[in-house]
PDB file of N, CA and C in Angstrom:
ATOM      1  N   MET A   1     -19.605  -5.404  -1.134  1.00  0.00           N
ATOM      2  CA  MET A   1     -19.303  -4.090  -0.604  1.00  0.00           C
ATOM      3  C   MET A   1     -17.801  -3.949  -0.406  1.00  0.00           C
ATOM      4  N   SER A   2     -17.257  -2.850  -0.833  1.00  0.00           N
ATOM      5  CA  SER A   2     -15.816  -2.650  -0.719  1.00  0.00           C
ATOM      6  C   SER A   2     -15.430  -2.277   0.711  1.00  0.00           C
ATOM      7  N   VAL A   3     -14.151  -2.435   1.001  1.00  0.00           N
ATOM      8  CA  VAL A   3     -13.609  -2.058   2.303  1.00  0.00           C
ATOM      9  C   VAL A   3     -12.573  -0.965   2.098  1.00  0.00           C
ATOM     10  N   THR A   4     -12.433  -0.129   3.101  1.00  0.00           N
ATOM     11  CA  THR A   4     -11.376   0.879   3.095  1.00  0.00           C
ATOM     12  C   THR A   4     -10.169   0.276   3.794  1.00  0.00           C
ATOM     13  N   VAL A   5      -8.995   0.559   3.227  1.00  0.00           N
ATOM     14  CA  VAL A   5      -7.752   0.014   3.760  1.00  0.00           C
ATOM     15  C   VAL A   5      -6.808   1.173   4.067  1.00  0.00           C
ATOM     16  N   ILE A   6      -6.191   1.132   5.246  1.00  0.00           N
ATOM     17  CA  ILE A   6      -5.166   2.102   5.617  1.00  0.00           C
ATOM     18  C   ILE A   6      -3.905   1.311   5.924  1.00  0.00           C
ATOM     19  N   VAL A   7      -2.824   1.651   5.213  1.00  0.00           N
ATOM     20  CA  VAL A   7      -1.562   0.936   5.378  1.00  0.00           C
ATOM     21  C   VAL A   7      -0.488   1.938   5.784  1.00  0.00           C
ATOM     22  N   SER A   8       0.230   1.636   6.846  1.00  0.00           N
ATOM     23  CA  SER A   8       1.346   2.460   7.303  1.00  0.00           C
ATOM     24  C   SER A   8       2.628   1.666   7.083  1.00  0.00           C
ATOM     25  N   ILE A   9       3.563   2.269   6.339  1.00  0.00           N
ATOM     26  CA  ILE A   9       4.776   1.558   5.936  1.00  0.00           C
ATOM     27  C   ILE A   9       5.996   2.406   6.272  1.00  0.00           C
ATOM     28  N   LYS A  10       6.945   1.838   6.992  1.00  0.00           N
ATOM     29  CA  LYS A  10       8.219   2.511   7.260  1.00  0.00           C
ATOM     30  C   LYS A  10       9.153   2.204   6.095  1.00  0.00           C
ATOM     31  N   VAL A  11       9.683   3.258   5.464  1.00  0.00           N
ATOM     32  CA  VAL A  11      10.532   3.085   4.287  1.00  0.00           C
ATOM     33  C   VAL A  11      11.877   3.772   4.494  1.00  0.00           C
ATOM     34  N   ALA A  12      12.875   3.328   3.742  1.00  0.00           N
ATOM     35  CA  ALA A  12      14.207   3.917   3.843  1.00  0.00           C
ATOM     36  C   ALA A  12      14.240   5.319   3.244  1.00  0.00           C
ATOM     37  N   GLU A  13      13.544   5.493   2.127  1.00  0.00           N
ATOM     38  CA  GLU A  13      13.530   6.785   1.431  1.00  0.00           C
ATOM     39  C   GLU A  13      12.181   6.940   0.737  1.00  0.00           C
ATOM     40  N   PHE A  14      11.403   7.928   1.175  1.00  0.00           N
ATOM     41  CA  PHE A  14      10.039   8.070   0.676  1.00  0.00           C
ATOM     42  C   PHE A  14       9.987   8.208  -0.841  1.00  0.00           C
ATOM     43  N   SER A  15      10.841   9.024  -1.429  1.00  0.00           N
ATOM     44  CA  SER A  15      10.764   9.259  -2.880  1.00  0.00           C
ATOM     45  C   SER A  15      11.010   7.978  -3.673  1.00  0.00           C
ATOM     46  N   LYS A  16      11.908   7.134  -3.199  1.00  0.00           N
ATOM     47  CA  LYS A  16      12.157   5.850  -3.869  1.00  0.00           C
ATOM     48  C   LYS A  16      10.922   4.952  -3.745  1.00  0.00           C
ATOM     49  N   TRP A  17      10.354   4.889  -2.547  1.00  0.00           N
ATOM     50  CA  TRP A  17       9.152   4.089  -2.342  1.00  0.00           C
ATOM     51  C   TRP A  17       8.015   4.584  -3.226  1.00  0.00           C
ATOM     52  N   LYS A  18       7.837   5.906  -3.297  1.00  0.00           N
ATOM     53  CA  LYS A  18       6.733   6.489  -4.071  1.00  0.00           C
ATOM     54  C   LYS A  18       6.863   6.152  -5.547  1.00  0.00           C
ATOM     55  N   ALA A  19       8.082   6.134  -6.076  1.00  0.00           N
ATOM     56  CA  ALA A  19       8.288   5.782  -7.485  1.00  0.00           C
ATOM     57  C   ALA A  19       7.825   4.350  -7.752  1.00  0.00           C
ATOM     58  N   VAL A  20       8.116   3.437  -6.839  1.00  0.00           N
ATOM     59  CA  VAL A  20       7.677   2.047  -7.000  1.00  0.00           C
ATOM     60  C   VAL A  20       6.160   1.959  -6.838  1.00  0.00           C
ATOM     61  N   PHE A  21       5.604   2.669  -5.876  1.00  0.00           N
ATOM     62  CA  PHE A  21       4.149   2.703  -5.691  1.00  0.00           C
ATOM     63  C   PHE A  21       3.473   3.157  -6.983  1.00  0.00           C
ATOM     64  N   ASP A  22       3.970   4.227  -7.571  1.00  0.00           N
ATOM     65  CA  ASP A  22       3.386   4.748  -8.812  1.00  0.00           C
ATOM     66  C   ASP A  22       3.501   3.738  -9.954  1.00  0.00           C
ATOM     67  N   ALA A  23       4.606   3.003  -9.994  1.00  0.00           N
ATOM     68  CA  ALA A  23       4.820   2.018 -11.058  1.00  0.00           C
ATOM     69  C   ALA A  23       3.837   0.847 -10.965  1.00  0.00           C
ATOM     70  N   LEU A  24       3.262   0.629  -9.801  1.00  0.00           N
ATOM     71  CA  LEU A  24       2.311  -0.476  -9.612  1.00  0.00           C
ATOM     72  C   LEU A  24       0.856  -0.064  -9.834  1.00  0.00           C
ATOM     73  N   ALA A  25       0.628   1.128 -10.365  1.00  0.00           N
ATOM     74  CA  ALA A  25      -0.744   1.637 -10.530  1.00  0.00           C
ATOM     75  C   ALA A  25      -1.609   0.694 -11.364  1.00  0.00           C
ATOM     76  N   GLU A  26      -1.096   0.224 -12.476  1.00  0.00           N
ATOM     77  CA  GLU A  26      -1.882  -0.650 -13.355  1.00  0.00           C
ATOM     78  C   GLU A  26      -2.232  -1.965 -12.662  1.00  0.00           C
ATOM     79  N   GLU A  27      -1.276  -2.522 -11.934  1.00  0.00           N
ATOM     80  CA  GLU A  27      -1.526  -3.773 -11.223  1.00  0.00           C
ATOM     81  C   GLU A  27      -2.604  -3.592 -10.152  1.00  0.00           C
ATOM     82  N   ARG A  28      -2.587  -2.434  -9.470  1.00  0.00           N
ATOM     83  CA  ARG A  28      -3.629  -2.175  -8.468  1.00  0.00           C
ATOM     84  C   ARG A  28      -5.002  -2.098  -9.121  1.00  0.00           C
ATOM     85  N   VAL A  29      -5.093  -1.407 -10.251  1.00  0.00           N
ATOM     86  CA  VAL A  29      -6.373  -1.292 -10.959  1.00  0.00           C
ATOM     87  C   VAL A  29      -6.870  -2.672 -11.377  1.00  0.00           C
ATOM     88  N   GLU A  30      -5.978  -3.502 -11.918  1.00  0.00           N
ATOM     89  CA  GLU A  30      -6.356  -4.855 -12.341  1.00  0.00           C
ATOM     90  C   GLU A  30      -6.871  -5.689 -11.166  1.00  0.00           C
ATOM     91  N   ALA A  31      -6.349  -5.425  -9.966  1.00  0.00           N
ATOM     92  CA  ALA A  31      -6.776  -6.155  -8.769  1.00  0.00           C
ATOM     93  C   ALA A  31      -8.030  -5.542  -8.141  1.00  0.00           C
ATOM     94  N   GLY A  32      -8.516  -4.442  -8.716  1.00  0.00           N
ATOM     95  CA  GLY A  32      -9.709  -3.794  -8.188  1.00  0.00           C
ATOM     96  C   GLY A  32      -9.439  -2.851  -7.031  1.00  0.00           C
ATOM     97  N   LEU A  33      -8.172  -2.472  -6.864  1.00  0.00           N
ATOM     98  CA  LEU A  33      -7.796  -1.595  -5.758  1.00  0.00           C
ATOM     99  C   LEU A  33      -7.705  -0.150  -6.225  1.00  0.00           C
ATOM    100  N   ASN A  34      -8.096   0.750  -5.354  1.00  0.00           N
ATOM    101  CA  ASN A  34      -7.960   2.180  -5.591  1.00  0.00           C
ATOM    102  C   ASN A  34      -7.191   2.717  -4.392  1.00  0.00           C
ATOM    103  N   ALA A  35      -6.036   3.343  -4.619  1.00  0.00           N
ATOM    104  CA  ALA A  35      -5.210   3.759  -3.489  1.00  0.00           C
ATOM    105  C   ALA A  35      -4.504   5.071  -3.775  1.00  0.00           C
ATOM    106  N   ALA A  36      -4.314   5.845  -2.715  1.00  0.00           N
ATOM    107  CA  ALA A  36      -3.567   7.096  -2.800  1.00  0.00           C
ATOM    108  C   ALA A  36      -2.472   7.083  -1.744  1.00  0.00           C
ATOM    109  N   ALA A  37      -1.293   7.532  -2.134  1.00  0.00           N
ATOM    110  CA  ALA A  37      -0.150   7.571  -1.227  1.00  0.00           C
ATOM    111  C   ALA A  37      -0.101   8.909  -0.501  1.00  0.00           C
ATOM    112  N   HIS A  38       0.322   8.849   0.752  1.00  0.00           N
ATOM    113  CA  HIS A  38       0.479  10.044   1.582  1.00  0.00           C
ATOM    114  C   HIS A  38       1.799   9.921   2.338  1.00  0.00           C
ATOM    115  N   GLN A  39       2.336  11.072   2.744  1.00  0.00           N
ATOM    116  CA  GLN A  39       3.577  11.092   3.513  1.00  0.00           C
ATOM    117  C   GLN A  39       3.284  11.679   4.888  1.00  0.00           C
ATOM    118  N   ASN A  40       3.705  10.984   5.924  1.00  0.00           N
ATOM    119  CA  ASN A  40       3.520  11.446   7.295  1.00  0.00           C
ATOM    120  C   ASN A  40       4.325  12.730   7.496  1.00  0.00           C
ATOM    121  N   ILE A  41       3.672  13.802   7.898  1.00  0.00           N
ATOM    122  CA  ILE A  41       4.343  15.091   8.091  1.00  0.00           C
ATOM    123  C   ILE A  41       5.408  15.003   9.180  1.00  0.00           C
ATOM    124  N   ASP A  42       5.129  14.280  10.249  1.00  0.00           N
ATOM    125  CA  ASP A  42       6.053  14.192  11.378  1.00  0.00           C
ATOM    126  C   ASP A  42       7.134  13.135  11.206  1.00  0.00           C
ATOM    127  N   ASP A  43       6.976  12.260  10.237  1.00  0.00           N
ATOM    128  CA  ASP A  43       7.949  11.191   9.966  1.00  0.00           C
ATOM    129  C   ASP A  43       7.993  10.981   8.457  1.00  0.00           C
ATOM    130  N   PRO A  44       8.822  11.748   7.742  1.00  0.00           N
ATOM    131  CA  PRO A  44       8.814  11.733   6.280  1.00  0.00           C
ATOM    132  C   PRO A  44       9.084  10.372   5.633  1.00  0.00           C
ATOM    133  N   ASN A  45       9.663   9.442   6.363  1.00  0.00           N
ATOM    134  CA  ASN A  45       9.890   8.109   5.806  1.00  0.00           C
ATOM    135  C   ASN A  45       8.829   7.112   6.267  1.00  0.00           C
ATOM    136  N   ASN A  46       7.676   7.639   6.614  1.00  0.00           N
ATOM    137  CA  ASN A  46       6.505   6.819   6.922  1.00  0.00           C
ATOM    138  C   ASN A  46       5.484   7.078   5.818  1.00  0.00           C
ATOM    139  N   ALA A  47       5.320   6.086   4.957  1.00  0.00           N
ATOM    140  CA  ALA A  47       4.347   6.178   3.866  1.00  0.00           C
ATOM    141  C   ALA A  47       3.013   5.656   4.370  1.00  0.00           C
ATOM    142  N   ILE A  48       1.959   6.388   4.066  1.00  0.00           N
ATOM    143  CA  ILE A  48       0.609   5.986   4.430  1.00  0.00           C
ATOM    144  C   ILE A  48      -0.178   5.832   3.134  1.00  0.00           C
ATOM    145  N   VAL A  49      -0.806   4.689   2.952  1.00  0.00           N
ATOM    146  CA  VAL A  49      -1.641   4.460   1.775  1.00  0.00           C
ATOM    147  C   VAL A  49      -3.073   4.284   2.258  1.00  0.00           C
ATOM    148  N   ILE A  50      -3.975   5.055   1.657  1.00  0.00           N
ATOM    149  CA  ILE A  50      -5.392   4.962   1.980  1.00  0.00           C
ATOM    150  C   ILE A  50      -6.123   4.629   0.692  1.00  0.00           C
ATOM    151  N   GLY A  51      -6.946   3.602   0.743  1.00  0.00           N
ATOM    152  CA  GLY A  51      -7.646   3.214  -0.471  1.00  0.00           C
ATOM    153  C   GLY A  51      -8.805   2.283  -0.201  1.00  0.00           C
ATOM    154  N   THR A  52      -9.327   1.731  -1.280  1.00  0.00           N
ATOM    155  CA  THR A  52     -10.422   0.776  -1.182  1.00  0.00           C
ATOM    156  C   THR A  52     -10.068  -0.487  -1.950  1.00  0.00           C
ATOM    157  N   ALA A  53     -10.680  -1.575  -1.512  1.00  0.00           N
ATOM    158  CA  ALA A  53     -10.508  -2.874  -2.160  1.00  0.00           C
ATOM    159  C   ALA A  53     -11.874  -3.546  -2.212  1.00  0.00           C
ATOM    160  N   PRO A  54     -12.071  -4.448  -3.177  1.00  0.00           N
ATOM    161  CA  PRO A  54     -13.353  -5.152  -3.251  1.00  0.00           C
ATOM    162  C   PRO A  54     -13.666  -5.929  -1.970  1.00  0.00           C
ATOM    163  N   SER A  55     -12.610  -6.416  -1.306  1.00  0.00           N
ATOM    164  CA  SER A  55     -12.764  -7.172  -0.061  1.00  0.00           C
ATOM    165  C   SER A  55     -11.409  -7.239   0.627  1.00  0.00           C
ATOM    166  N   LYS A  56     -11.423  -7.632   1.879  1.00  0.00           N
ATOM    167  CA  LYS A  56     -10.176  -7.833   2.615  1.00  0.00           C
ATOM    168  C   LYS A  56      -9.335  -8.902   1.919  1.00  0.00           C
ATOM    169  N   GLU A  57     -10.001  -9.953   1.471  1.00  0.00           N
ATOM    170  CA  GLU A  57      -9.296 -11.060   0.812  1.00  0.00           C
ATOM    171  C   GLU A  57      -8.637 -10.610  -0.489  1.00  0.00           C
ATOM    172  N   ALA A  58      -9.323  -9.768  -1.259  1.00  0.00           N
ATOM    173  CA  ALA A  58      -8.754  -9.277  -2.521  1.00  0.00           C
ATOM    174  C   ALA A  58      -7.518  -8.430  -2.254  1.00  0.00           C
ATOM    175  N   PHE A  59      -7.581  -7.582  -1.222  1.00  0.00           N
ATOM    176  CA  PHE A  59      -6.417  -6.767  -0.885  1.00  0.00           C
ATOM    177  C   PHE A  59      -5.250  -7.652  -0.471  1.00  0.00           C
ATOM    178  N   LEU A  60      -5.512  -8.597   0.425  1.00  0.00           N
ATOM    179  CA  LEU A  60      -4.434  -9.462   0.912  1.00  0.00           C
ATOM    180  C   LEU A  60      -3.834 -10.303  -0.209  1.00  0.00           C
ATOM    181  N   ALA A  61      -4.653 -10.759  -1.147  1.00  0.00           N
ATOM    182  CA  ALA A  61      -4.131 -11.533  -2.280  1.00  0.00           C
ATOM    183  C   ALA A  61      -3.152 -10.689  -3.091  1.00  0.00           C
ATOM    184  N   PHE A  62      -3.490  -9.425  -3.316  1.00  0.00           N
ATOM    185  CA  PHE A  62      -2.591  -8.537  -4.056  1.00  0.00           C
ATOM    186  C   PHE A  62      -1.353  -8.207  -3.225  1.00  0.00           C
ATOM    187  N   PHE A  63      -1.566  -7.797  -1.978  1.00  0.00           N
ATOM    188  CA  PHE A  63      -0.483  -7.275  -1.147  1.00  0.00           C
ATOM    189  C   PHE A  63       0.536  -8.345  -0.768  1.00  0.00           C
ATOM    190  N   THR A  64       0.102  -9.592  -0.653  1.00  0.00           N
ATOM    191  CA  THR A  64       1.019 -10.663  -0.251  1.00  0.00           C
ATOM    192  C   THR A  64       1.541 -11.476  -1.429  1.00  0.00           C
ATOM    193  N   SER A  65       1.189 -11.077  -2.643  1.00  0.00           N
ATOM    194  CA  SER A  65       1.674 -11.816  -3.814  1.00  0.00           C
ATOM    195  C   SER A  65       3.194 -11.705  -3.904  1.00  0.00           C
ATOM    196  N   PRO A  66       3.863 -12.714  -4.452  1.00  0.00           N
ATOM    197  CA  PRO A  66       5.316 -12.656  -4.595  1.00  0.00           C
ATOM    198  C   PRO A  66       5.789 -11.421  -5.373  1.00  0.00           C
ATOM    199  N   ALA A  67       5.063 -11.033  -6.410  1.00  0.00           N
ATOM    200  CA  ALA A  67       5.468  -9.864  -7.207  1.00  0.00           C
ATOM    201  C   ALA A  67       5.407  -8.586  -6.372  1.00  0.00           C
ATOM    202  N   THR A  68       4.341  -8.425  -5.602  1.00  0.00           N
ATOM    203  CA  THR A  68       4.218  -7.230  -4.765  1.00  0.00           C
ATOM    204  C   THR A  68       5.266  -7.242  -3.660  1.00  0.00           C
ATOM    205  N   GLN A  69       5.523  -8.395  -3.076  1.00  0.00           N
ATOM    206  CA  GLN A  69       6.542  -8.495  -2.032  1.00  0.00           C
ATOM    207  C   GLN A  69       7.925  -8.122  -2.577  1.00  0.00           C
ATOM    208  N   GLU A  70       8.225  -8.562  -3.779  1.00  0.00           N
ATOM    209  CA  GLU A  70       9.513  -8.228  -4.399  1.00  0.00           C
ATOM    210  C   GLU A  70       9.612  -6.723  -4.654  1.00  0.00           C
ATOM    211  N   MET A  71       8.527  -6.125  -5.121  1.00  0.00           N
ATOM    212  CA  MET A  71       8.532  -4.681  -5.372  1.00  0.00           C
ATOM    213  C   MET A  71       8.705  -3.909  -4.061  1.00  0.00           C
ATOM    214  N   GLN A  72       8.135  -4.406  -2.981  1.00  0.00           N
ATOM    215  CA  GLN A  72       8.304  -3.728  -1.696  1.00  0.00           C
ATOM    216  C   GLN A  72       9.764  -3.745  -1.258  1.00  0.00           C
ATOM    217  N   LYS A  73      10.444  -4.849  -1.494  1.00  0.00           N
ATOM    218  CA  LYS A  73      11.872  -4.912  -1.171  1.00  0.00           C
ATOM    219  C   LYS A  73      12.638  -3.880  -1.982  1.00  0.00           C
ATOM    220  N   LYS A  74      12.343  -3.798  -3.280  1.00  0.00           N
ATOM    221  CA  LYS A  74      13.011  -2.823  -4.150  1.00  0.00           C
ATOM    222  C   LYS A  74      12.702  -1.392  -3.731  1.00  0.00           C
ATOM    223  N   ALA A  75      11.525  -1.190  -3.139  1.00  0.00           N
ATOM    224  CA  ALA A  75      11.099   0.148  -2.731  1.00  0.00           C
ATOM    225  C   ALA A  75      11.731   0.592  -1.414  1.00  0.00           C
ATOM    226  N   GLY A  76      12.412  -0.310  -0.737  1.00  0.00           N
ATOM    227  CA  GLY A  76      13.058   0.052   0.521  1.00  0.00           C
ATOM    228  C   GLY A  76      12.159  -0.033   1.742  1.00  0.00           C
ATOM    229  N   VAL A  77      11.157  -0.907   1.691  1.00  0.00           N
ATOM    230  CA  VAL A  77      10.297  -1.117   2.860  1.00  0.00           C
ATOM    231  C   VAL A  77      11.146  -1.759   3.955  1.00  0.00           C
ATOM    232  N   LEU A  78      11.080  -1.187   5.163  1.00  0.00           N
ATOM    233  CA  LEU A  78      11.975  -1.612   6.236  1.00  0.00           C
ATOM    234  C   LEU A  78      11.421  -2.705   7.141  1.00  0.00           C
ATOM    235  N   GLY A  79      10.146  -2.975   7.060  1.00  0.00           N
ATOM    236  CA  GLY A  79       9.568  -4.001   7.922  1.00  0.00           C
ATOM    237  C   GLY A  79       8.123  -4.229   7.567  1.00  0.00           C
ATOM    238  N   PRO A  80       7.480  -5.108   8.294  1.00  0.00           N
ATOM    239  CA  PRO A  80       6.071  -5.390   8.006  1.00  0.00           C
ATOM    240  C   PRO A  80       5.220  -4.131   8.183  1.00  0.00           C
ATOM    241  N   PRO A  81       4.297  -3.904   7.278  1.00  0.00           N
ATOM    242  CA  PRO A  81       3.429  -2.732   7.397  1.00  0.00           C
ATOM    243  C   PRO A  81       2.329  -2.966   8.431  1.00  0.00           C
ATOM    244  N   GLU A  82       1.747  -1.876   8.872  1.00  0.00           N
ATOM    245  CA  GLU A  82       0.551  -1.953   9.707  1.00  0.00           C
ATOM    246  C   GLU A  82      -0.636  -1.759   8.773  1.00  0.00           C
ATOM    247  N   VAL A  83      -1.529  -2.744   8.726  1.00  0.00           N
ATOM    248  CA  VAL A  83      -2.673  -2.701   7.816  1.00  0.00           C
ATOM    249  C   VAL A  83      -3.956  -2.707   8.638  1.00  0.00           C
ATOM    250  N   LYS A  84      -4.854  -1.757   8.317  1.00  0.00           N
ATOM    251  CA  LYS A  84      -6.155  -1.698   8.981  1.00  0.00           C
ATOM    252  C   LYS A  84      -7.243  -1.713   7.921  1.00  0.00           C
ATOM    253  N   PHE A  85      -8.262  -2.519   8.161  1.00  0.00           N
ATOM    254  CA  PHE A  85      -9.430  -2.595   7.290  1.00  0.00           C
ATOM    255  C   PHE A  85     -10.585  -1.951   8.043  1.00  0.00           C
ATOM    256  N   ILE A  86     -11.256  -1.001   7.397  1.00  0.00           N
ATOM    257  CA  ILE A  86     -12.344  -0.304   8.072  1.00  0.00           C
ATOM    258  C   ILE A  86     -13.572  -0.231   7.173  1.00  0.00           C
ATOM    259  N   ASN A  87     -14.727  -0.124   7.813  1.00  0.00           N
ATOM    260  CA  ASN A  87     -16.005   0.042   7.119  1.00  0.00           C
ATOM    261  C   ASN A  87     -16.647   1.337   7.580  1.00  0.00           C
ATOM    262  N   PRO A  88     -17.366   2.011   6.698  1.00  0.00           N
ATOM    263  CA  PRO A  88     -18.092   3.208   7.140  1.00  0.00           C
ATOM    264  C   PRO A  88     -19.248   2.803   8.052  1.00  0.00           C
ATOM    265  N   VAL A  89     -19.586   3.677   8.957  1.00  0.00           N
ATOM    266  CA  VAL A  89     -20.718   3.412   9.859  1.00  0.00           C
ATOM    267  C   VAL A  89     -21.730   4.537   9.772  1.00  0.00           C
TER     268      VAL A  89
END
């Protein structure tokens, strides 16, 4: 059963971050992730990603990989993201 993931990320510049997010679309699909980017209306440099993953472990394997970490640096991520895993009830 898949899990829903909500990630809140503080970025230096949303448009730069979004370009990197879009460039990783194929890698997300290969990892079994489905994700959509959103911009916080009250804080434009707060990127919110909502998506699904096959499991918490699959998401963490992708998100903490060296390649993904390097892309986050290039995207202007300012600090550790807040990640929440949720299940429907």
